[in-house]
C-alpha atoms as a PDB file:
ATOM      1  CA  MET A   1      -2.999 -52.004  52.196  1.00  0.00           C
ATOM      2  CA  ASP A   2      -5.671 -54.094  50.500  1.00  0.00           C
ATOM      3  CA  ILE A   3      -4.322 -54.908  47.015  1.00  0.00           C
ATOM      4  CA  THR A   4      -7.831 -55.290  45.647  1.00  0.00           C
ATOM      5  CA  SER A   5      -8.376 -51.551  46.103  1.00  0.00           C
ATOM      6  CA  ILE A   6      -5.627 -51.059  43.513  1.00  0.00           C
ATOM      7  CA  VAL A   7      -6.320 -53.958  41.150  1.00  0.00           C
ATOM      8  CA  TYR A   8     -10.048 -53.431  40.718  1.00  0.00           C
ATOM      9  CA  PRO A   9      -9.792 -49.810  39.493  1.00  0.00           C
ATOM     10  CA  ILE A  10      -7.017 -50.777  37.072  1.00  0.00           C
ATOM     11  CA  VAL A  11      -9.018 -53.718  35.718  1.00  0.00           C
ATOM     12  CA  SER A  12     -12.170 -51.585  35.499  1.00  0.00           C
ATOM     13  CA  ILE A  13     -10.444 -48.759  33.618  1.00  0.00           C
ATOM     14  CA  GLY A  14      -8.683 -51.237  31.316  1.00  0.00           C
ATOM     15  CA  GLY A  15     -11.946 -53.013  30.607  1.00  0.00           C
ATOM     16  CA  LEU A  16     -13.694 -49.739  29.794  1.00  0.00           C
ATOM     17  CA  GLY A  17     -10.826 -48.792  27.507  1.00  0.00           C
ATOM     18  CA  ILE A  18     -11.155 -52.068  25.613  1.00  0.00           C
ATOM     19  CA  LEU A  19     -14.921 -51.658  25.414  1.00  0.00           C
ATOM     20  CA  PHE A  20     -14.751 -48.092  24.139  1.00  0.00           C
ATOM     21  CA  GLY A  21     -11.997 -49.002  21.685  1.00  0.00           C
ATOM     22  CA  ALA A  22     -14.077 -51.834  20.282  1.00  0.00           C
ATOM     23  CA  GLY A  23     -17.059 -49.487  20.026  1.00  0.00           C
ATOM     24  CA  LEU A  24     -15.082 -46.844  18.175  1.00  0.00           C
ATOM     25  CA  GLY A  25     -13.610 -49.450  15.857  1.00  0.00           C
ATOM     26  CA  TYR A  26     -17.066 -50.742  15.019  1.00  0.00           C
ATOM     27  CA  ALA A  27     -18.429 -47.227  14.535  1.00  0.00           C
ATOM     28  CA  SER A  28     -15.549 -46.261  12.233  1.00  0.00           C
ATOM     29  CA  LYS A  29     -16.397 -49.185   9.955  1.00  0.00           C
ATOM     30  CA  LYS A  30     -20.149 -48.874  10.283  1.00  0.00           C
ATOM     31  CA  PHE A  31     -20.306 -45.157   9.540  1.00  0.00           C
ATOM     32  CA  ALA A  32     -17.208 -44.823   7.362  1.00  0.00           C
ATOM     33  CA  VAL A  33     -17.585 -42.585   4.304  1.00  0.00           C
ATOM     34  CA  GLU A  34     -16.153 -44.352   1.302  1.00  0.00           C
ATOM     35  CA  VAL A  35     -13.624 -42.244  -0.614  1.00  0.00           C
ATOM     36  CA  ASP A  36     -13.044 -42.888  -4.273  1.00  0.00           C
ATOM     37  CA  GLU A  37      -9.510 -44.258  -4.481  1.00  0.00           C
ATOM     38  CA  ARG A  38      -8.895 -42.089  -7.541  1.00  0.00           C
ATOM     39  CA  ILE A  39      -9.173 -38.849  -5.530  1.00  0.00           C
ATOM     40  CA  PRO A  40      -5.836 -39.163  -3.694  1.00  0.00           C
ATOM     41  CA  LYS A  41      -4.203 -40.292  -6.934  1.00  0.00           C
ATOM     42  CA  VAL A  42      -5.455 -37.187  -8.727  1.00  0.00           C
ATOM     43  CA  ARG A  43      -4.377 -35.064  -5.784  1.00  0.00           C
ATOM     44  CA  ASP A  44      -0.840 -36.457  -6.007  1.00  0.00           C
ATOM     45  CA  LEU A  45      -0.672 -35.428  -9.670  1.00  0.00           C
ATOM     46  CA  LEU A  46      -1.660 -31.821  -8.941  1.00  0.00           C
ATOM     47  CA  PRO A  47       1.032 -29.178  -8.281  1.00  0.00           C
ATOM     48  CA  GLY A  48      -0.032 -28.584  -4.667  1.00  0.00           C
ATOM     49  CA  ALA A  49       0.050 -24.791  -4.964  1.00  0.00           C
ATOM     50  CA  ASN A  50      -3.382 -24.350  -3.338  1.00  0.00           C
ATOM     51  CA  CYS A  51      -3.607 -20.994  -5.135  1.00  0.00           C
ATOM     52  CA  GLY A  52      -7.360 -21.123  -5.732  1.00  0.00           C
ATOM     53  CA  GLY A  53      -6.968 -20.420  -9.444  1.00  0.00           C
ATOM     54  CA  CYS A  54      -9.267 -23.365 -10.208  1.00  0.00           C
ATOM     55  CA  GLY A  55     -12.095 -21.785  -8.226  1.00  0.00           C
ATOM     56  CA  PHE A  56     -11.896 -24.300  -5.366  1.00  0.00           C
ATOM     57  CA  ALA A  57     -10.509 -23.973  -1.853  1.00  0.00           C
ATOM     58  CA  GLY A  58      -7.372 -25.943  -2.688  1.00  0.00           C
ATOM     59  CA  CYS A  59      -5.934 -28.945  -4.508  1.00  0.00           C
ATOM     60  CA  ASP A  60      -7.788 -31.442  -2.281  1.00  0.00           C
ATOM     61  CA  ALA A  61     -11.156 -29.862  -3.041  1.00  0.00           C
ATOM     62  CA  PHE A  62     -10.297 -29.638  -6.737  1.00  0.00           C
ATOM     63  CA  ALA A  63      -9.269 -33.300  -6.920  1.00  0.00           C
ATOM     64  CA  THR A  64     -12.559 -34.315  -5.306  1.00  0.00           C
ATOM     65  CA  ALA A  65     -14.536 -32.158  -7.752  1.00  0.00           C
ATOM     66  CA  VAL A  66     -12.673 -33.580 -10.747  1.00  0.00           C
ATOM     67  CA  VAL A  67     -13.425 -37.167  -9.741  1.00  0.00           C
ATOM     68  CA  GLU A  68     -16.926 -36.819  -8.289  1.00  0.00           C
ATOM     69  CA  GLU A  69     -18.378 -33.924 -10.281  1.00  0.00           C
ATOM     70  CA  GLY A  70     -16.526 -34.222 -13.569  1.00  0.00           C
ATOM     71  CA  VAL A  71     -14.942 -30.766 -13.316  1.00  0.00           C
ATOM     72  CA  ASP A  72     -12.616 -30.045 -16.242  1.00  0.00           C
ATOM     73  CA  ILE A  73      -9.020 -31.055 -15.476  1.00  0.00           C
ATOM     74  CA  CYS A  74      -7.816 -27.962 -17.289  1.00  0.00           C
ATOM     75  CA  SER A  75      -9.537 -25.724 -14.738  1.00  0.00           C
ATOM     76  CA  CYS A  76      -6.262 -25.853 -12.820  1.00  0.00           C
ATOM     77  CA  PRO A  77      -4.144 -23.144 -14.494  1.00  0.00           C
ATOM     78  CA  VAL A  78      -0.993 -24.235 -12.675  1.00  0.00           C
ATOM     79  CA  ASN A  79      -0.990 -27.853 -13.792  1.00  0.00           C
ATOM     80  CA  SER A  80       1.397 -28.917 -16.539  1.00  0.00           C
ATOM     81  CA  ASP A  81       0.208 -30.546 -19.757  1.00  0.00           C
ATOM     82  CA  GLU A  82       2.069 -33.714 -18.760  1.00  0.00           C
ATOM     83  CA  SER A  83       0.334 -33.939 -15.391  1.00  0.00           C
ATOM     84  CA  ALA A  84      -3.052 -33.144 -16.935  1.00  0.00           C
ATOM     85  CA  GLY A  85      -2.476 -35.971 -19.413  1.00  0.00           C
ATOM     86  CA  LYS A  86      -1.754 -38.424 -16.589  1.00  0.00           C
ATOM     87  CA  ILE A  87      -4.924 -37.393 -14.760  1.00  0.00           C
ATOM     88  CA  ALA A  88      -6.921 -37.750 -17.971  1.00  0.00           C
ATOM     89  CA  ALA A  89      -5.528 -41.254 -18.485  1.00  0.00           C
ATOM     90  CA  LEU A  90      -6.393 -42.160 -14.891  1.00  0.00           C
ATOM     91  CA  LEU A  91      -9.982 -40.977 -15.301  1.00  0.00           C
ATOM     92  CA  GLY A  92     -10.427 -41.986 -18.927  1.00  0.00           C
ATOM     93  CA  VAL A  93     -11.316 -38.491 -20.180  1.00  0.00           C
ATOM     94  CA  ASP A  94     -10.149 -36.134 -22.934  1.00  0.00           C
ATOM     95  CA  PRO A  95      -6.615 -34.934 -22.084  1.00  0.00           C
ATOM     96  CA  SER A  96      -6.693 -31.848 -24.296  1.00  0.00           C
ATOM     97  CA  CYS A  97      -6.574 -28.557 -22.404  1.00  0.00           C
ATOM     98  CA  SER A  98      -7.690 -25.092 -23.314  1.00  0.00           C
ATOM     99  CA  ILE A  99      -5.342 -22.367 -24.500  1.00  0.00           C
ATOM    100  CA  LYS A 100      -2.813 -21.322 -21.888  1.00  0.00           C
ATOM    101  CA  ARG A 101      -3.305 -17.831 -20.501  1.00  0.00           C
ATOM    102  CA  VAL A 102      -1.069 -15.332 -18.748  1.00  0.00           C
ATOM    103  CA  ALA A 103      -1.624 -12.132 -16.823  1.00  0.00           C
ATOM    104  CA  LEU A 104      -1.270  -8.858 -18.726  1.00  0.00           C
ATOM    105  CA  VAL A 105      -0.706  -5.444 -17.152  1.00  0.00           C
ATOM    106  CA  LYS A 106      -2.603  -3.046 -19.424  1.00  0.00           C
ATOM    107  CA  CYS A 107      -0.446  -0.028 -18.716  1.00  0.00           C
ATOM    108  CA  LYS A 108       2.765   1.590 -19.967  1.00  0.00           C
ATOM    109  CA  GLY A 109       2.513   4.423 -17.460  1.00  0.00           C
ATOM    110  CA  THR A 110       6.046   4.212 -16.131  1.00  0.00           C
ATOM    111  CA  CYS A 111       7.577   7.012 -14.101  1.00  0.00           C
ATOM    112  CA  SER A 112       8.980   8.545 -17.284  1.00  0.00           C
ATOM    113  CA  ASN A 113       5.748   8.206 -19.305  1.00  0.00           C
ATOM    114  CA  SER A 114       3.072   9.251 -16.816  1.00  0.00           C
ATOM    115  CA  GLN A 115       2.373  12.310 -14.703  1.00  0.00           C
ATOM    116  CA  ASN A 116       1.671  12.402 -10.975  1.00  0.00           C
ATOM    117  CA  LYS A 117      -0.935  14.522  -9.194  1.00  0.00           C
ATOM    118  CA  TYR A 118       1.080  14.560  -5.980  1.00  0.00           C
ATOM    119  CA  ASP A 119       3.821  12.694  -4.106  1.00  0.00           C
ATOM    120  CA  TYR A 120       2.517   9.664  -2.250  1.00  0.00           C
ATOM    121  CA  TYR A 121       4.052   8.839   1.143  1.00  0.00           C
ATOM    122  CA  GLY A 122       1.445   6.432   2.511  1.00  0.00           C
ATOM    123  CA  ILE A 123       1.370   2.653   2.912  1.00  0.00           C
ATOM    124  CA  MET A 124       3.014   0.919  -0.032  1.00  0.00           C
ATOM    125  CA  ASP A 125      -0.122  -0.877  -1.102  1.00  0.00           C
ATOM    126  CA  CYS A 126      -2.272  -0.178  -4.166  1.00  0.00           C
ATOM    127  CA  ASN A 127      -5.566  -0.740  -2.361  1.00  0.00           C
ATOM    128  CA  ASP A 128      -4.695   1.780   0.355  1.00  0.00           C
ATOM    129  CA  ALA A 129      -3.490   4.321  -2.193  1.00  0.00           C
ATOM    130  CA  ALA A 130      -6.594   3.863  -4.349  1.00  0.00           C
ATOM    131  CA  ALA A 131      -8.840   4.523  -1.351  1.00  0.00           C
ATOM    132  CA  ILE A 132      -7.610   8.072  -0.769  1.00  0.00           C
ATOM    133  CA  PRO A 133      -9.024  11.113  -2.650  1.00  0.00           C
ATOM    134  CA  GLY A 134      -7.983  11.025  -6.282  1.00  0.00           C
ATOM    135  CA  GLY A 135      -7.514   7.262  -6.272  1.00  0.00           C
ATOM    136  CA  GLY A 136      -3.734   7.351  -6.062  1.00  0.00           C
ATOM    137  CA  ALA A 137      -0.877   9.579  -7.140  1.00  0.00           C
ATOM    138  CA  LYS A 138      -0.998   8.736 -10.856  1.00  0.00           C
ATOM    139  CA  ALA A 139      -2.606  11.438 -13.001  1.00  0.00           C
ATOM    140  CA  CYS A 140      -4.302   8.649 -14.963  1.00  0.00           C
ATOM    141  CA  SER A 141      -7.004   7.259 -12.687  1.00  0.00           C
ATOM    142  CA  TYR A 142      -6.995   3.983 -14.647  1.00  0.00           C
ATOM    143  CA  GLY A 143      -3.277   3.244 -14.578  1.00  0.00           C
ATOM    144  CA  CYS A 144      -1.069   0.898 -12.575  1.00  0.00           C
ATOM    145  CA  LEU A 145      -0.137   2.444  -9.221  1.00  0.00           C
ATOM    146  CA  GLY A 146       3.028   0.365  -9.005  1.00  0.00           C
ATOM    147  CA  LEU A 147       2.882  -0.263  -5.253  1.00  0.00           C
ATOM    148  CA  GLY A 148       2.997  -4.039  -5.575  1.00  0.00           C
ATOM    149  CA  SER A 149      -0.320  -5.384  -4.249  1.00  0.00           C
ATOM    150  CA  CYS A 150      -0.283  -7.833  -7.157  1.00  0.00           C
ATOM    151  CA  LYS A 151       3.293  -8.855  -6.429  1.00  0.00           C
ATOM    152  CA  LYS A 152       2.429  -9.620  -2.792  1.00  0.00           C
ATOM    153  CA  VAL A 153      -0.320 -12.106  -3.693  1.00  0.00           C
ATOM    154  CA  CYS A 154       1.541 -13.928  -6.481  1.00  0.00           C
ATOM    155  CA  PRO A 155       2.595 -17.353  -5.155  1.00  0.00           C
ATOM    156  CA  PHE A 156       4.856 -17.977  -8.160  1.00  0.00           C
ATOM    157  CA  ASP A 157       7.135 -14.916  -8.017  1.00  0.00           C
ATOM    158  CA  ALA A 158       5.931 -13.960 -11.497  1.00  0.00           C
ATOM    159  CA  ILE A 159       5.532 -10.221 -10.859  1.00  0.00           C
ATOM    160  CA  ARG A 160       8.103  -7.507 -10.306  1.00  0.00           C
ATOM    161  CA  ILE A 161       7.808  -3.708 -10.066  1.00  0.00           C
ATOM    162  CA  GLU A 162       9.880  -1.775 -12.572  1.00  0.00           C
ATOM    163  CA  ASP A 163       9.906   1.989 -13.090  1.00  0.00           C
ATOM    164  CA  GLY A 164       6.589   2.442 -11.325  1.00  0.00           C
ATOM    165  CA  ILE A 165       4.507  -0.324 -12.897  1.00  0.00           C
ATOM    166  CA  ALA A 166       4.003  -4.070 -12.486  1.00  0.00           C
ATOM    167  CA  VAL A 167       5.712  -6.367 -14.989  1.00  0.00           C
ATOM    168  CA  ILE A 168       4.699  -9.991 -15.583  1.00  0.00           C
ATOM    169  CA  ASP A 169       7.209 -12.798 -16.115  1.00  0.00           C
ATOM    170  CA  GLU A 170       5.194 -14.942 -18.525  1.00  0.00           C
ATOM    171  CA  ASP A 171       7.468 -17.937 -18.078  1.00  0.00           C
ATOM    172  CA  LYS A 172       6.514 -18.062 -14.394  1.00  0.00           C
ATOM    173  CA  CYS A 173       2.888 -16.902 -14.654  1.00  0.00           C
ATOM    174  CA  THR A 174       0.272 -19.641 -14.254  1.00  0.00           C
ATOM    175  CA  ALA A 175      -2.834 -17.468 -14.716  1.00  0.00           C
ATOM    176  CA  CYS A 176      -4.019 -18.243 -11.194  1.00  0.00           C
ATOM    177  CA  GLY A 177      -5.828 -14.884 -11.182  1.00  0.00           C
ATOM    178  CA  ASN A 178      -4.661 -13.709  -7.752  1.00  0.00           C
ATOM    179  CA  CYS A 179      -3.172 -10.534  -9.195  1.00  0.00           C
ATOM    180  CA  VAL A 180      -6.358  -9.790 -11.147  1.00  0.00           C
ATOM    181  CA  ASP A 181      -8.386  -9.920  -7.944  1.00  0.00           C
ATOM    182  CA  ALA A 182      -5.844  -7.851  -5.997  1.00  0.00           C
ATOM    183  CA  CYS A 183      -5.617  -4.928  -8.421  1.00  0.00           C
ATOM    184  CA  PRO A 184      -7.950  -2.068  -7.394  1.00  0.00           C
ATOM    185  CA  LYS A 185      -7.640  -0.459 -10.820  1.00  0.00           C
ATOM    186  CA  ALA A 186      -8.616  -3.588 -12.826  1.00  0.00           C
ATOM    187  CA  VAL A 187      -5.495  -2.996 -14.878  1.00  0.00           C
ATOM    188  CA  ILE A 188      -4.552  -6.693 -15.007  1.00  0.00           C
ATOM    189  CA  GLU A 189      -6.383  -9.263 -17.102  1.00  0.00           C
ATOM    190  CA  LEU A 190      -5.754 -12.800 -18.315  1.00  0.00           C
ATOM    191  CA  VAL A 191      -5.026 -13.144 -22.035  1.00  0.00           C
ATOM    192  CA  PRO A 192      -4.034 -16.018 -24.335  1.00  0.00           C
ATOM    193  CA  LYS A 193      -0.296 -16.545 -24.016  1.00  0.00           C
ATOM    194  CA  GLN A 194       0.046 -17.400 -27.695  1.00  0.00           C
ATOM    195  CA  ASN A 195      -1.374 -14.050 -28.788  1.00  0.00           C
ATOM    196  CA  LYS A 196       1.359 -11.438 -28.811  1.00  0.00           C
ATOM    197  CA  VAL A 197      -0.640  -8.405 -29.998  1.00  0.00           C
ATOM    198  CA  ARG A 198      -1.852  -6.517 -26.927  1.00  0.00           C
ATOM    199  CA  VAL A 199      -3.230  -3.108 -25.990  1.00  0.00           C
ATOM    200  CA  LEU A 200      -1.196  -1.744 -23.086  1.00  0.00           C
ATOM    201  CA  CYS A 201      -3.620   0.885 -21.854  1.00  0.00           C
ATOM    202  CA  ASN A 202      -6.596   0.812 -19.501  1.00  0.00           C
ATOM    203  CA  SER A 203      -7.861   4.383 -19.714  1.00  0.00           C
ATOM    204  CA  ASN A 204     -11.434   5.268 -20.647  1.00  0.00           C
ATOM    205  CA  ASP A 205     -10.693   8.992 -20.779  1.00  0.00           C
ATOM    206  CA  LYS A 206     -10.879  10.977 -23.992  1.00  0.00           C
ATOM    207  CA  GLY A 207      -7.777  11.803 -26.003  1.00  0.00           C
ATOM    208  CA  LYS A 208      -7.029  15.252 -24.561  1.00  0.00           C
ATOM    209  CA  GLU A 209      -7.266  14.014 -20.955  1.00  0.00           C
ATOM    210  CA  VAL A 210      -5.161  10.970 -21.767  1.00  0.00           C
ATOM    211  CA  LYS A 211      -2.352  13.054 -23.273  1.00  0.00           C
ATOM    212  CA  GLU A 212      -2.308  15.343 -20.244  1.00  0.00           C
ATOM    213  CA  ALA A 213      -1.857  12.366 -17.920  1.00  0.00           C
ATOM    214  CA  CYS A 214       0.340   9.999 -19.941  1.00  0.00           C
ATOM    215  CA  SER A 215       2.430  10.236 -23.094  1.00  0.00           C
ATOM    216  CA  VAL A 216       1.694   6.648 -24.151  1.00  0.00           C
ATOM    217  CA  GLY A 217      -2.043   6.244 -23.545  1.00  0.00           C
ATOM    218  CA  CYS A 218      -4.752   5.326 -26.040  1.00  0.00           C
ATOM    219  CA  ILE A 219      -6.105   8.596 -27.469  1.00  0.00           C
ATOM    220  CA  GLY A 220      -9.092   7.045 -29.228  1.00  0.00           C
ATOM    221  CA  CYS A 221      -7.993   7.860 -32.781  1.00  0.00           C
ATOM    222  CA  LYS A 222      -9.310   4.493 -34.083  1.00  0.00           C
ATOM    223  CA  LEU A 223      -6.483   4.180 -36.610  1.00  0.00           C
ATOM    224  CA  CYS A 224      -5.972   0.624 -35.357  1.00  0.00           C
ATOM    225  CA  VAL A 225      -9.605  -0.241 -36.082  1.00  0.00           C
ATOM    226  CA  LYS A 226      -9.408   1.194 -39.598  1.00  0.00           C
ATOM    227  CA  SER A 227      -6.138  -0.575 -40.387  1.00  0.00           C
ATOM    228  CA  CYS A 228      -7.260  -4.068 -39.326  1.00  0.00           C
ATOM    229  CA  GLU A 229      -8.482  -6.161 -42.270  1.00  0.00           C
ATOM    230  CA  TYR A 230      -9.697  -8.946 -39.987  1.00  0.00           C
ATOM    231  CA  ASP A 231     -12.133  -6.929 -37.845  1.00  0.00           C
ATOM    232  CA  ALA A 232     -10.090  -8.009 -34.826  1.00  0.00           C
ATOM    233  CA  ILE A 233     -10.202  -4.721 -32.908  1.00  0.00           C
ATOM    234  CA  ASP A 234     -13.206  -3.570 -30.932  1.00  0.00           C
ATOM    235  CA  PHE A 235     -13.521  -0.023 -29.652  1.00  0.00           C
ATOM    236  CA  GLU A 236     -15.428   0.710 -26.468  1.00  0.00           C
ATOM    237  CA  ASP A 237     -15.287   3.495 -23.866  1.00  0.00           C
ATOM    238  CA  ASN A 238     -12.528   5.330 -25.754  1.00  0.00           C
ATOM    239  CA  LEU A 239     -10.255   2.281 -25.680  1.00  0.00           C
ATOM    240  CA  ALA A 240      -9.175  -0.316 -28.235  1.00  0.00           C
ATOM    241  CA  HIS A 241      -9.586  -4.015 -27.401  1.00  0.00           C
ATOM    242  CA  ILE A 242      -8.066  -6.958 -29.273  1.00  0.00           C
ATOM    243  CA  ASN A 243     -10.413  -9.761 -30.322  1.00  0.00           C
ATOM    244  CA  TYR A 244      -7.963 -12.623 -29.844  1.00  0.00           C
ATOM    245  CA  GLU A 245     -10.075 -15.113 -31.782  1.00  0.00           C
ATOM    246  CA  LYS A 246      -9.879 -12.960 -34.903  1.00  0.00           C
ATOM    247  CA  CYS A 247      -6.364 -11.538 -34.583  1.00  0.00           C
ATOM    248  CA  SER A 248      -3.999 -12.796 -37.310  1.00  0.00           C
ATOM    249  CA  HIS A 249      -0.872 -11.044 -36.021  1.00  0.00           C
ATOM    250  CA  CYS A 250      -0.648  -9.013 -39.227  1.00  0.00           C
ATOM    251  CA  MET A 251       0.795  -6.157 -37.102  1.00  0.00           C
ATOM    252  CA  ALA A 252      -1.112  -3.443 -38.985  1.00  0.00           C
ATOM    253  CA  CYS A 253      -2.513  -2.011 -35.744  1.00  0.00           C
ATOM    254  CA  VAL A 254       0.920  -2.036 -34.124  1.00  0.00           C
ATOM    255  CA  GLU A 255       2.369  -0.052 -37.010  1.00  0.00           C
ATOM    256  CA  LYS A 256      -0.486   2.468 -37.139  1.00  0.00           C
ATOM    257  CA  CYS A 257      -0.811   3.236 -33.417  1.00  0.00           C
ATOM    258  CA  PRO A 258       0.570   6.794 -32.967  1.00  0.00           C
ATOM    259  CA  THR A 259       1.245   6.420 -29.228  1.00  0.00           C
ATOM    260  CA  LYS A 260       2.638   2.880 -29.540  1.00  0.00           C
ATOM    261  CA  ILE A 261       0.409   1.422 -26.835  1.00  0.00           C
ATOM    262  CA  ILE A 262      -0.351  -1.554 -29.072  1.00  0.00           C
ATOM    263  CA  GLU A 263       2.596  -3.916 -28.986  1.00  0.00           C
ATOM    264  CA  GLY A 264       3.105  -7.267 -30.609  1.00  0.00           C
ATOM    265  CA  GLN A 265       5.172  -9.622 -32.670  1.00  0.00           C
ATOM    266  CA  HIS A 266       4.536 -11.894 -35.602  1.00  0.00           C
ATOM    267  CA  VAL A 267       3.380 -15.366 -34.638  1.00  0.00           C
ATOM    268  CA  LEU A 268       3.128 -18.297 -37.007  1.00  0.00           C
ATOM    269  CA  THR A 269      -0.411 -19.652 -36.956  1.00  0.00           C
ATOM    270  CA  GLU A 270      -1.779 -22.870 -38.374  1.00  0.00           C
ATOM    271  CA  ALA A 271      -3.513 -22.538 -41.707  1.00  0.00           C
END
C-alpha cells in the first residue's frame, strides 16, 4: 500500500482544520460584540428567580436593561434591599427603592361565608371553571373560586388554599405579579405591604345581590366613606377602595363596616 495515499489526506484535513480554526478565531475577535463588564456583575447580584416580575424575560435581560438602558433597579420585586444597594453602588445610582408591595386576595368568600350555585366537578383550575356558564360555582361572580390557579404559578410558595379561597403568605410574597395575571376574576391585586387597612371584597353588585351571595361582601352602605376624616376611601361601582396614600390607619372604617370586609391594624407612621 502506498503510504502517501494515507498521509496526504491526513495532512490535507489537518491543514484545513488549522486554517478554519484560525479563520474562526480571527472572526470571533473581528466581529465580537463587546459586553459591558458590569452586566454579569449585576446579574450575579440578582436573585435568579426569572419570574418576569420586572417586566423582562428573565434576570439576564433585566441586568442588561439596568446597565444599558438605566432601568430602575427596584423594578425587580424579588430583589432584597441589600442586593439592590450593592447594585446601586456598582452602578453609582440612587439605592433607594420604592415601597414594597404584596399580593392581596380581595375576597372573604370562604365556604362558610359564600353560597354556591351548583357543585363543581370539573378540572381543578380557576380559568377552566370561569369559562363555563355562570363563571364558576360561587354565587358571587366576582369572588375567588379557590381552585388554585394562582398557587400553581407562584414560584415562591407564597399562596395556599384555605376553606375555598386563596391566602397569601406576605413573608414569602415578592409581588412578582404572576398570581395577578393568572386570576380570571381579577380578585388579586398588589398593595403596599406597609398599609394594613384593606377592603376584602371584589364585588360590583348592589347590596341585595351581595347579601344573597355572600354574608361578608361590601353592601355599598358608604359608612366607611362617611367615617373617614382623611378622605382616604373612594367608592366606585358599588365597592369601597382604600386610597393608600391618604390612609392614616385611624381604623374608623374598620370599626364602622357592618359586614367586616374592611380589615386592618394600627400602624405607626412617621410624622
